[in-house]
């Protein structure tokens, strides 16, 4: 398996959009937040807290932790590639 992005510095500049949506057919959004990956690369779990907003109003808060596992994978050319897997709890 080959990683999609092997450059950790690129991934550190990225963000994850989290949306809390209704489970019914219309998938209505109840709130959204954005989490930066900048400080998430660590062998230890990292806590984060994010305010949920919907149409400009604060509607809640998410608290959780991320765990990033960084794999080094040897490609068929003998080069090492890095793959990042995330687990959110």
C-alpha atoms as a PDB file:
ATOM      1  CA  UNK A   1       0.000   0.000   0.000  1.00  0.00           C
ATOM      2  CA  UNK A   2       1.342   3.445  -0.936  1.00  0.00           C
ATOM      3  CA  UNK A   3       0.597   6.584   1.074  1.00  0.00           C
ATOM      4  CA  UNK A   4      -1.416   9.329  -0.569  1.00  0.00           C
ATOM      5  CA  UNK A   5       0.774  12.048   0.992  1.00  0.00           C
ATOM      6  CA  UNK A   6       4.290  11.106   2.058  1.00  0.00           C
ATOM      7  CA  UNK A   7       5.328  14.635   3.047  1.00  0.00           C
ATOM      8  CA  UNK A   8       4.648  15.267   6.755  1.00  0.00           C
ATOM      9  CA  UNK A   9       5.306  19.015   6.405  1.00  0.00           C
ATOM     10  CA  UNK A  10       2.490  19.181   3.827  1.00  0.00           C
ATOM     11  CA  UNK A  11       0.102  17.312   6.137  1.00  0.00           C
ATOM     12  CA  UNK A  12       0.987  19.596   9.068  1.00  0.00           C
ATOM     13  CA  UNK A  13      -0.431  22.535   7.070  1.00  0.00           C
ATOM     14  CA  UNK A  14      -3.765  20.777   6.484  1.00  0.00           C
ATOM     15  CA  UNK A  15      -7.053  20.861   8.386  1.00  0.00           C
ATOM     16  CA  UNK A  16      -9.973  18.504   8.934  1.00  0.00           C
ATOM     17  CA  UNK A  17     -13.538  19.783   8.634  1.00  0.00           C
ATOM     18  CA  UNK A  18     -15.859  18.110  11.156  1.00  0.00           C
ATOM     19  CA  UNK A  19     -19.611  18.415  10.617  1.00  0.00           C
ATOM     20  CA  UNK A  20     -22.322  17.131  12.950  1.00  0.00           C
ATOM     21  CA  UNK A  21     -25.232  16.183  10.700  1.00  0.00           C
ATOM     22  CA  UNK A  22     -28.703  14.700  11.089  1.00  0.00           C
ATOM     23  CA  UNK A  23     -28.994  10.993  10.507  1.00  0.00           C
ATOM     24  CA  UNK A  24     -32.252  11.305   8.555  1.00  0.00           C
ATOM     25  CA  UNK A  25     -32.607  11.729   4.807  1.00  0.00           C
ATOM     26  CA  UNK A  26     -31.965  15.482   4.604  1.00  0.00           C
ATOM     27  CA  UNK A  27     -28.505  15.304   6.274  1.00  0.00           C
ATOM     28  CA  UNK A  28     -29.072  18.696   7.902  1.00  0.00           C
ATOM     29  CA  UNK A  29     -25.947  20.134   9.514  1.00  0.00           C
ATOM     30  CA  UNK A  30     -26.171  21.016  13.208  1.00  0.00           C
ATOM     31  CA  UNK A  31     -22.665  22.434  13.489  1.00  0.00           C
ATOM     32  CA  UNK A  32     -19.221  22.519  11.924  1.00  0.00           C
ATOM     33  CA  UNK A  33     -15.656  23.058  13.108  1.00  0.00           C
ATOM     34  CA  UNK A  34     -12.156  22.851  11.673  1.00  0.00           C
ATOM     35  CA  UNK A  35      -9.236  21.069  13.366  1.00  0.00           C
ATOM     36  CA  UNK A  36      -5.640  21.861  12.420  1.00  0.00           C
ATOM     37  CA  UNK A  37      -3.218  18.958  11.980  1.00  0.00           C
ATOM     38  CA  UNK A  38      -0.223  21.167  12.898  1.00  0.00           C
ATOM     39  CA  UNK A  39       0.344  19.805  16.428  1.00  0.00           C
ATOM     40  CA  UNK A  40      -1.127  16.359  15.914  1.00  0.00           C
ATOM     41  CA  UNK A  41       1.990  14.465  14.812  1.00  0.00           C
ATOM     42  CA  UNK A  42       3.123  12.678  17.941  1.00  0.00           C
ATOM     43  CA  UNK A  43       3.464   9.200  19.334  1.00  0.00           C
ATOM     44  CA  UNK A  44       1.308  10.320  22.278  1.00  0.00           C
ATOM     45  CA  UNK A  45      -2.448  10.984  21.983  1.00  0.00           C
ATOM     46  CA  UNK A  46      -3.239  14.682  21.490  1.00  0.00           C
ATOM     47  CA  UNK A  47      -6.352  16.259  22.989  1.00  0.00           C
ATOM     48  CA  UNK A  48      -8.270  18.877  21.071  1.00  0.00           C
ATOM     49  CA  UNK A  49     -11.306  21.022  21.730  1.00  0.00           C
ATOM     50  CA  UNK A  50     -13.254  22.770  19.021  1.00  0.00           C
ATOM     51  CA  UNK A  51     -16.295  25.051  19.086  1.00  0.00           C
ATOM     52  CA  UNK A  52     -19.111  24.043  16.742  1.00  0.00           C
ATOM     53  CA  UNK A  53     -20.707  26.836  14.715  1.00  0.00           C
ATOM     54  CA  UNK A  54     -23.766  26.851  12.499  1.00  0.00           C
ATOM     55  CA  UNK A  55     -24.712  29.861  10.383  1.00  0.00           C
ATOM     56  CA  UNK A  56     -22.329  32.039  12.397  1.00  0.00           C
ATOM     57  CA  UNK A  57     -23.646  31.035  15.830  1.00  0.00           C
ATOM     58  CA  UNK A  58     -21.851  28.909  18.412  1.00  0.00           C
ATOM     59  CA  UNK A  59     -23.951  25.774  18.916  1.00  0.00           C
ATOM     60  CA  UNK A  60     -21.721  23.424  20.878  1.00  0.00           C
ATOM     61  CA  UNK A  61     -18.288  22.049  21.577  1.00  0.00           C
ATOM     62  CA  UNK A  62     -16.373  18.899  20.621  1.00  0.00           C
ATOM     63  CA  UNK A  63     -13.661  17.488  22.869  1.00  0.00           C
ATOM     64  CA  UNK A  64     -11.684  14.460  21.769  1.00  0.00           C
ATOM     65  CA  UNK A  65      -8.213  13.164  21.095  1.00  0.00           C
ATOM     66  CA  UNK A  66      -6.314  12.063  18.044  1.00  0.00           C
ATOM     67  CA  UNK A  67      -3.737   9.368  17.743  1.00  0.00           C
ATOM     68  CA  UNK A  68      -1.496   9.400  14.719  1.00  0.00           C
ATOM     69  CA  UNK A  69       0.422   6.355  13.716  1.00  0.00           C
ATOM     70  CA  UNK A  70       3.264   7.032  11.295  1.00  0.00           C
ATOM     71  CA  UNK A  71       4.323   4.061   9.228  1.00  0.00           C
ATOM     72  CA  UNK A  72       7.481   3.795   7.184  1.00  0.00           C
ATOM     73  CA  UNK A  73       6.823   1.656   4.131  1.00  0.00           C
ATOM     74  CA  UNK A  74       9.518   0.411   1.816  1.00  0.00           C
ATOM     75  CA  UNK A  75       8.421   0.814  -1.786  1.00  0.00           C
ATOM     76  CA  UNK A  76       9.347  -1.501  -4.620  1.00  0.00           C
ATOM     77  CA  UNK A  77      12.177   0.936  -5.487  1.00  0.00           C
ATOM     78  CA  UNK A  78      13.715   0.563  -2.030  1.00  0.00           C
ATOM     79  CA  UNK A  79      12.692   4.072  -0.926  1.00  0.00           C
ATOM     80  CA  UNK A  80      10.991   4.697   2.392  1.00  0.00           C
ATOM     81  CA  UNK A  81       7.550   6.278   2.311  1.00  0.00           C
ATOM     82  CA  UNK A  82       5.591   7.571   5.275  1.00  0.00           C
ATOM     83  CA  UNK A  83       1.914   6.831   5.761  1.00  0.00           C
ATOM     84  CA  UNK A  84      -0.203   8.509   8.407  1.00  0.00           C
ATOM     85  CA  UNK A  85      -3.230   6.827   9.903  1.00  0.00           C
ATOM     86  CA  UNK A  86      -5.516   8.700  12.279  1.00  0.00           C
ATOM     87  CA  UNK A  87      -7.846   7.402  14.933  1.00  0.00           C
ATOM     88  CA  UNK A  88     -10.387   9.761  16.483  1.00  0.00           C
ATOM     89  CA  UNK A  89     -12.100   8.843  19.722  1.00  0.00           C
END
